[in-house]
Amino acid sequence: MMWLDASNSMAELVAINAAHDDRQIMPIRGTGGRMIVPFDLLADCGQGGYWADYCEWLAILSPTDSVPEAVGQLE
């Protein structure tokens, strides 16, 4: 699975999440102390997609080699 680095965009995410009672993106802690979200969220963020309101935010995130800490500790 691929991941996006949300570490430098958390304030924007908090604002978007505050506008939605029905859906929220909750980053998880990744290796290297990064906050990450799944890359595949981008697949459902177009017009009418489940994550459409998050699309601009997701598009500014950079792919990362970071993985969830629990996975990183098993390797």
PDB file of N, CA and C in Angstrom:
ATOM      1  N   MET A   1       0.836  -1.173   0.000  1.00  0.00           N
ATOM      2  CA  MET A   1       0.000   0.000   0.000  1.00  0.00           C
ATOM      3  C   MET A   1       0.885   1.242   0.000  1.00  0.00           C
ATOM      4  N   MET A   2       0.455   2.246  -0.729  1.00  0.00           N
ATOM      5  CA  MET A   2       1.192   3.510  -0.784  1.00  0.00           C
ATOM      6  C   MET A   2       0.540   4.509   0.175  1.00  0.00           C
ATOM      7  N   TRP A   3       1.353   5.476   0.626  1.00  0.00           N
ATOM      8  CA  TRP A   3       0.906   6.446   1.615  1.00  0.00           C
ATOM      9  C   TRP A   3       1.238   7.862   1.186  1.00  0.00           C
ATOM     10  N   LEU A   4       0.480   8.826   1.730  1.00  0.00           N
ATOM     11  CA  LEU A   4       0.722  10.251   1.510  1.00  0.00           C
ATOM     12  C   LEU A   4       1.119  10.880   2.847  1.00  0.00           C
ATOM     13  N   ASP A   5       2.072  11.809   2.796  1.00  0.00           N
ATOM     14  CA  ASP A   5       2.559  12.484   4.001  1.00  0.00           C
ATOM     15  C   ASP A   5       1.682  13.701   4.290  1.00  0.00           C
ATOM     16  N   ALA A   6       0.948  13.644   5.387  1.00  0.00           N
ATOM     17  CA  ALA A   6       0.053  14.733   5.787  1.00  0.00           C
ATOM     18  C   ALA A   6       0.654  15.594   6.893  1.00  0.00           C
ATOM     19  N   SER A   7       1.889  15.342   7.274  1.00  0.00           N
ATOM     20  CA  SER A   7       2.517  15.988   8.422  1.00  0.00           C
ATOM     21  C   SER A   7       2.460  17.512   8.389  1.00  0.00           C
ATOM     22  N   ASN A   8       2.672  18.099   7.237  1.00  0.00           N
ATOM     23  CA  ASN A   8       2.729  19.556   7.148  1.00  0.00           C
ATOM     24  C   ASN A   8       1.400  20.195   6.782  1.00  0.00           C
ATOM     25  N   SER A   9       0.342  19.404   6.752  1.00  0.00           N
ATOM     26  CA  SER A   9      -0.969  19.914   6.332  1.00  0.00           C
ATOM     27  C   SER A   9      -2.068  19.559   7.326  1.00  0.00           C
ATOM     28  N   MET A  10      -1.690  19.346   8.562  1.00  0.00           N
ATOM     29  CA  MET A  10      -2.671  18.921   9.554  1.00  0.00           C
ATOM     30  C   MET A  10      -3.694  20.009   9.877  1.00  0.00           C
ATOM     31  N   ALA A  11      -3.283  21.267   9.929  1.00  0.00           N
ATOM     32  CA  ALA A  11      -4.222  22.352  10.250  1.00  0.00           C
ATOM     33  C   ALA A  11      -5.332  22.430   9.206  1.00  0.00           C
ATOM     34  N   GLU A  12      -4.974  22.269   7.942  1.00  0.00           N
ATOM     35  CA  GLU A  12      -5.976  22.290   6.879  1.00  0.00           C
ATOM     36  C   GLU A  12      -6.944  21.119   7.018  1.00  0.00           C
ATOM     37  N   LEU A  13      -6.410  19.953   7.367  1.00  0.00           N
ATOM     38  CA  LEU A  13      -7.254  18.777   7.538  1.00  0.00           C
ATOM     39  C   LEU A  13      -8.226  18.971   8.696  1.00  0.00           C
ATOM     40  N   VAL A  14      -7.770  19.543   9.783  1.00  0.00           N
ATOM     41  CA  VAL A  14      -8.657  19.792  10.925  1.00  0.00           C
ATOM     42  C   VAL A  14      -9.836  20.659  10.488  1.00  0.00           C
ATOM     43  N   ALA A  15      -9.568  21.673   9.680  1.00  0.00           N
ATOM     44  CA  ALA A  15     -10.635  22.558   9.208  1.00  0.00           C
ATOM     45  C   ALA A  15     -11.625  21.819   8.306  1.00  0.00           C
ATOM     46  N   ILE A  16     -11.121  20.991   7.410  1.00  0.00           N
ATOM     47  CA  ILE A  16     -12.010  20.235   6.518  1.00  0.00           C
ATOM     48  C   ILE A  16     -12.820  19.220   7.328  1.00  0.00           C
ATOM     49  N   ASN A  17     -12.173  18.500   8.219  1.00  0.00           N
ATOM     50  CA  ASN A  17     -12.877  17.520   9.042  1.00  0.00           C
ATOM     51  C   ASN A  17     -13.977  18.183   9.874  1.00  0.00           C
ATOM     52  N   ALA A  18     -13.738  19.399  10.365  1.00  0.00           N
ATOM     53  CA  ALA A  18     -14.719  20.106  11.194  1.00  0.00           C
ATOM     54  C   ALA A  18     -16.003  20.402  10.415  1.00  0.00           C
ATOM     55  N   ALA A  19     -15.898  20.468   9.103  1.00  0.00           N
ATOM     56  CA  ALA A  19     -17.060  20.770   8.269  1.00  0.00           C
ATOM     57  C   ALA A  19     -17.877  19.523   7.926  1.00  0.00           C
ATOM     58  N   HIS A  20     -17.432  18.355   8.387  1.00  0.00           N
ATOM     59  CA  HIS A  20     -18.094  17.098   8.023  1.00  0.00           C
ATOM     60  C   HIS A  20     -18.401  16.246   9.244  1.00  0.00           C
ATOM     61  N   ASP A  21     -19.689  15.963   9.415  1.00  0.00           N
ATOM     62  CA  ASP A  21     -20.103  15.046  10.480  1.00  0.00           C
ATOM     63  C   ASP A  21     -20.144  13.609   9.974  1.00  0.00           C
ATOM     64  N   ASP A  22     -20.251  13.456   8.666  1.00  0.00           N
ATOM     65  CA  ASP A  22     -20.450  12.129   8.074  1.00  0.00           C
ATOM     66  C   ASP A  22     -19.171  11.432   7.640  1.00  0.00           C
ATOM     67  N   ARG A  23     -18.070  12.156   7.536  1.00  0.00           N
ATOM     68  CA  ARG A  23     -16.808  11.535   7.127  1.00  0.00           C
ATOM     69  C   ARG A  23     -15.640  12.363   7.651  1.00  0.00           C
ATOM     70  N   GLN A  24     -14.564  11.686   7.955  1.00  0.00           N
ATOM     71  CA  GLN A  24     -13.359  12.335   8.460  1.00  0.00           C
ATOM     72  C   GLN A  24     -12.155  11.526   7.994  1.00  0.00           C
ATOM     73  N   ILE A  25     -11.105  12.210   7.662  1.00  0.00           N
ATOM     74  CA  ILE A  25      -9.834  11.533   7.380  1.00  0.00           C
ATOM     75  C   ILE A  25      -9.011  11.634   8.651  1.00  0.00           C
ATOM     76  N   MET A  26      -8.578  10.487   9.152  1.00  0.00           N
ATOM     77  CA  MET A  26      -7.805  10.424  10.382  1.00  0.00           C
ATOM     78  C   MET A  26      -6.414   9.864  10.073  1.00  0.00           C
ATOM     79  N   PRO A  27      -5.419  10.727   9.946  1.00  0.00           N
ATOM     80  CA  PRO A  27      -4.054  10.241   9.679  1.00  0.00           C
ATOM     81  C   PRO A  27      -3.560   9.347  10.811  1.00  0.00           C
ATOM     82  N   ILE A  28      -2.633   8.483  10.469  1.00  0.00           N
ATOM     83  CA  ILE A  28      -2.005   7.633  11.471  1.00  0.00           C
ATOM     84  C   ILE A  28      -0.516   7.940  11.514  1.00  0.00           C
ATOM     85  N   ARG A  29       0.096   7.618  12.628  1.00  0.00           N
ATOM     86  CA  ARG A  29       1.529   7.865  12.780  1.00  0.00           C
ATOM     87  C   ARG A  29       2.298   6.841  11.960  1.00  0.00           C
ATOM     88  N   GLY A  30       3.190   7.353  11.133  1.00  0.00           N
ATOM     89  CA  GLY A  30       4.029   6.499  10.314  1.00  0.00           C
ATOM     90  C   GLY A  30       5.467   6.516  10.784  1.00  0.00           C
ATOM     91  N   THR A  31       6.263   5.679  10.176  1.00  0.00           N
ATOM     92  CA  THR A  31       7.686   5.650  10.490  1.00  0.00           C
ATOM     93  C   THR A  31       8.284   7.011  10.206  1.00  0.00           C
ATOM     94  N   GLY A  32       9.318   7.348  10.961  1.00  0.00           N
ATOM     95  CA  GLY A  32       9.965   8.647  10.802  1.00  0.00           C
ATOM     96  C   GLY A  32       9.166   9.781  11.427  1.00  0.00           C
ATOM     97  N   GLY A  33       8.137   9.450  12.209  1.00  0.00           N
ATOM     98  CA  GLY A  33       7.337  10.463  12.873  1.00  0.00           C
ATOM     99  C   GLY A  33       6.356  11.189  11.969  1.00  0.00           C
ATOM    100  N   ARG A  34       6.168  10.693  10.760  1.00  0.00           N
ATOM    101  CA  ARG A  34       5.238  11.338   9.828  1.00  0.00           C
ATOM    102  C   ARG A  34       3.799  10.953  10.155  1.00  0.00           C
ATOM    103  N   MET A  35       2.878  11.822   9.774  1.00  0.00           N
ATOM    104  CA  MET A  35       1.452  11.522   9.838  1.00  0.00           C
ATOM    105  C   MET A  35       1.045  11.187   8.412  1.00  0.00           C
ATOM    106  N   ILE A  36       0.456  10.013   8.221  1.00  0.00           N
ATOM    107  CA  ILE A  36       0.200   9.528   6.869  1.00  0.00           C
ATOM    108  C   ILE A  36      -1.263   9.140   6.667  1.00  0.00           C
ATOM    109  N   VAL A  37      -1.671   9.203   5.396  1.00  0.00           N
ATOM    110  CA  VAL A  37      -3.011   8.766   4.980  1.00  0.00           C
ATOM    111  C   VAL A  37      -2.832   7.883   3.748  1.00  0.00           C
ATOM    112  N   PRO A  38      -3.760   6.970   3.514  1.00  0.00           N
ATOM    113  CA  PRO A  38      -3.639   6.067   2.358  1.00  0.00           C
ATOM    114  C   PRO A  38      -3.717   6.812   1.019  1.00  0.00           C
ATOM    115  N   PHE A  39      -2.833   6.493   0.124  1.00  0.00           N
ATOM    116  CA  PHE A  39      -2.785   7.066  -1.219  1.00  0.00           C
ATOM    117  C   PHE A  39      -4.083   6.808  -1.974  1.00  0.00           C
ATOM    118  N   ASP A  40      -4.708   5.661  -1.746  1.00  0.00           N
ATOM    119  CA  ASP A  40      -5.885   5.294  -2.525  1.00  0.00           C
ATOM    120  C   ASP A  40      -7.123   6.149  -2.227  1.00  0.00           C
ATOM    121  N   LEU A  41      -7.060   7.036  -1.240  1.00  0.00           N
ATOM    122  CA  LEU A  41      -8.157   7.988  -1.027  1.00  0.00           C
ATOM    123  C   LEU A  41      -8.340   8.882  -2.259  1.00  0.00           C
ATOM    124  N   LEU A  42      -7.250   9.113  -2.976  1.00  0.00           N
ATOM    125  CA  LEU A  42      -7.319   9.947  -4.187  1.00  0.00           C
ATOM    126  C   LEU A  42      -8.228   9.347  -5.249  1.00  0.00           C
ATOM    127  N   ALA A  43      -8.392   8.040  -5.237  1.00  0.00           N
ATOM    128  CA  ALA A  43      -9.203   7.377  -6.259  1.00  0.00           C
ATOM    129  C   ALA A  43     -10.688   7.710  -6.147  1.00  0.00           C
ATOM    130  N   ASP A  44     -11.112   8.180  -4.982  1.00  0.00           N
ATOM    131  CA  ASP A  44     -12.536   8.467  -4.777  1.00  0.00           C
ATOM    132  C   ASP A  44     -12.760   9.920  -4.358  1.00  0.00           C
ATOM    133  N   CYS A  45     -11.982  10.817  -4.931  1.00  0.00           N
ATOM    134  CA  CYS A  45     -12.128  12.225  -4.540  1.00  0.00           C
ATOM    135  C   CYS A  45     -12.558  13.115  -5.694  1.00  0.00           C
ATOM    136  N   GLY A  46     -12.881  12.557  -6.825  1.00  0.00           N
ATOM    137  CA  GLY A  46     -13.330  13.363  -7.956  1.00  0.00           C
ATOM    138  C   GLY A  46     -14.768  13.827  -7.787  1.00  0.00           C
ATOM    139  N   GLN A  47     -15.295  14.488  -8.788  1.00  0.00           N
ATOM    140  CA  GLN A  47     -16.665  15.002  -8.774  1.00  0.00           C
ATOM    141  C   GLN A  47     -17.648  13.925  -8.313  1.00  0.00           C
ATOM    142  N   GLY A  48     -18.349  14.188  -7.226  1.00  0.00           N
ATOM    143  CA  GLY A  48     -19.325  13.242  -6.703  1.00  0.00           C
ATOM    144  C   GLY A  48     -18.731  12.101  -5.903  1.00  0.00           C
ATOM    145  N   GLY A  49     -17.415  12.039  -5.785  1.00  0.00           N
ATOM    146  CA  GLY A  49     -16.765  10.979  -5.028  1.00  0.00           C
ATOM    147  C   GLY A  49     -16.929  11.175  -3.528  1.00  0.00           C
ATOM    148  N   TYR A  50     -16.747  10.114  -2.787  1.00  0.00           N
ATOM    149  CA  TYR A  50     -16.905  10.144  -1.337  1.00  0.00           C
ATOM    150  C   TYR A  50     -15.999  11.187  -0.688  1.00  0.00           C
ATOM    151  N   TRP A  51     -14.775  11.325  -1.185  1.00  0.00           N
ATOM    152  CA  TRP A  51     -13.807  12.260  -0.613  1.00  0.00           C
ATOM    153  C   TRP A  51     -13.694  13.550  -1.422  1.00  0.00           C
ATOM    154  N   ALA A  52     -14.700  13.889  -2.211  1.00  0.00           N
ATOM    155  CA  ALA A  52     -14.650  15.065  -3.091  1.00  0.00           C
ATOM    156  C   ALA A  52     -14.280  16.344  -2.354  1.00  0.00           C
ATOM    157  N   ASP A  53     -14.801  16.550  -1.153  1.00  0.00           N
ATOM    158  CA  ASP A  53     -14.494  17.775  -0.409  1.00  0.00           C
ATOM    159  C   ASP A  53     -13.057  17.801   0.107  1.00  0.00           C
ATOM    160  N   TYR A  54     -12.397  16.681   0.067  1.00  0.00           N
ATOM    161  CA  TYR A  54     -11.011  16.576   0.536  1.00  0.00           C
ATOM    162  C   TYR A  54     -10.017  16.568  -0.627  1.00  0.00           C
ATOM    163  N   CYS A  55     -10.520  16.615  -1.839  1.00  0.00           N
ATOM    164  CA  CYS A  55      -9.697  16.417  -3.031  1.00  0.00           C
ATOM    165  C   CYS A  55      -8.527  17.394  -3.132  1.00  0.00           C
ATOM    166  N   GLU A  56      -8.779  18.678  -2.960  1.00  0.00           N
ATOM    167  CA  GLU A  56      -7.693  19.663  -3.059  1.00  0.00           C
ATOM    168  C   GLU A  56      -6.632  19.398  -2.008  1.00  0.00           C
ATOM    169  N   TRP A  57      -7.064  19.065  -0.805  1.00  0.00           N
ATOM    170  CA  TRP A  57      -6.116  18.785   0.269  1.00  0.00           C
ATOM    171  C   TRP A  57      -5.290  17.543  -0.049  1.00  0.00           C
ATOM    172  N   LEU A  58      -5.946  16.472  -0.458  1.00  0.00           N
ATOM    173  CA  LEU A  58      -5.222  15.243  -0.796  1.00  0.00           C
ATOM    174  C   LEU A  58      -4.220  15.471  -1.924  1.00  0.00           C
ATOM    175  N   ALA A  59      -4.584  16.300  -2.893  1.00  0.00           N
ATOM    176  CA  ALA A  59      -3.726  16.542  -4.059  1.00  0.00           C
ATOM    177  C   ALA A  59      -2.424  17.252  -3.698  1.00  0.00           C
ATOM    178  N   ILE A  60      -2.381  17.986  -2.590  1.00  0.00           N
ATOM    179  CA  ILE A  60      -1.143  18.695  -2.224  1.00  0.00           C
ATOM    180  C   ILE A  60      -0.178  17.822  -1.426  1.00  0.00           C
ATOM    181  N   LEU A  61      -0.644  16.644  -0.996  1.00  0.00           N
ATOM    182  CA  LEU A  61       0.206  15.768  -0.193  1.00  0.00           C
ATOM    183  C   LEU A  61       1.194  15.017  -1.074  1.00  0.00           C
ATOM    184  N   SER A  62       2.369  14.790  -0.535  1.00  0.00           N
ATOM    185  CA  SER A  62       3.419  14.080  -1.269  1.00  0.00           C
ATOM    186  C   SER A  62       3.424  12.596  -0.907  1.00  0.00           C
ATOM    187  N   PRO A  63       3.662  11.745  -1.895  1.00  0.00           N
ATOM    188  CA  PRO A  63       3.846  10.322  -1.574  1.00  0.00           C
ATOM    189  C   PRO A  63       5.042  10.165  -0.632  1.00  0.00           C
ATOM    190  N   THR A  64       4.989   9.154   0.198  1.00  0.00           N
ATOM    191  CA  THR A  64       6.065   8.912   1.155  1.00  0.00           C
ATOM    192  C   THR A  64       6.391   7.430   1.230  1.00  0.00           C
ATOM    193  N   ASP A  65       7.607   7.137   1.638  1.00  0.00           N
ATOM    194  CA  ASP A  65       8.015   5.758   1.887  1.00  0.00           C
ATOM    195  C   ASP A  65       7.646   5.332   3.303  1.00  0.00           C
ATOM    196  N   SER A  66       7.169   6.282   4.097  1.00  0.00           N
ATOM    197  CA  SER A  66       6.758   5.988   5.463  1.00  0.00           C
ATOM    198  C   SER A  66       5.608   4.976   5.436  1.00  0.00           C
ATOM    199  N   VAL A  67       5.577   4.119   6.420  1.00  0.00           N
ATOM    200  CA  VAL A  67       4.506   3.136   6.583  1.00  0.00           C
ATOM    201  C   VAL A  67       4.005   3.254   8.017  1.00  0.00           C
ATOM    202  N   PRO A  68       2.829   2.724   8.306  1.00  0.00           N
ATOM    203  CA  PRO A  68       2.352   2.786   9.687  1.00  0.00           C
ATOM    204  C   PRO A  68       3.391   2.206  10.651  1.00  0.00           C
ATOM    205  N   GLU A  69       3.531   2.842  11.799  1.00  0.00           N
ATOM    206  CA  GLU A  69       4.565   2.427  12.743  1.00  0.00           C
ATOM    207  C   GLU A  69       4.493   0.946  13.090  1.00  0.00           C
ATOM    208  N   ALA A  70       3.314   0.417  13.289  1.00  0.00           N
ATOM    209  CA  ALA A  70       3.186  -0.993  13.653  1.00  0.00           C
ATOM    210  C   ALA A  70       3.775  -1.886  12.568  1.00  0.00           C
ATOM    211  N   VAL A  71       3.527  -1.538  11.281  1.00  0.00           N
ATOM    212  CA  VAL A  71       4.084  -2.310  10.178  1.00  0.00           C
ATOM    213  C   VAL A  71       5.589  -2.143  10.147  1.00  0.00           C
ATOM    214  N   GLY A  72       6.059  -0.925  10.330  1.00  0.00           N
ATOM    215  CA  GLY A  72       7.488  -0.655  10.301  1.00  0.00           C
ATOM    216  C   GLY A  72       8.240  -1.416  11.379  1.00  0.00           C
ATOM    217  N   GLN A  73       7.596  -1.611  12.551  1.00  0.00           N
ATOM    218  CA  GLN A  73       8.249  -2.318  13.642  1.00  0.00           C
ATOM    219  C   GLN A  73       8.338  -3.810  13.402  1.00  0.00           C
ATOM    220  N   LEU A  74       7.452  -4.338  12.547  1.00  0.00           N
ATOM    221  CA  LEU A  74       7.486  -5.773  12.249  1.00  0.00           C
ATOM    222  C   LEU A  74       8.552  -6.131  11.230  1.00  0.00           C
ATOM    223  N   GLU A  75       8.971  -5.153  10.457  1.00  0.00           N
ATOM    224  CA  GLU A  75       9.929  -5.444   9.391  1.00  0.00           C
ATOM    225  C   GLU A  75      11.341  -5.562   9.924  1.00  0.00           C
TER     226      GLU A  75
END
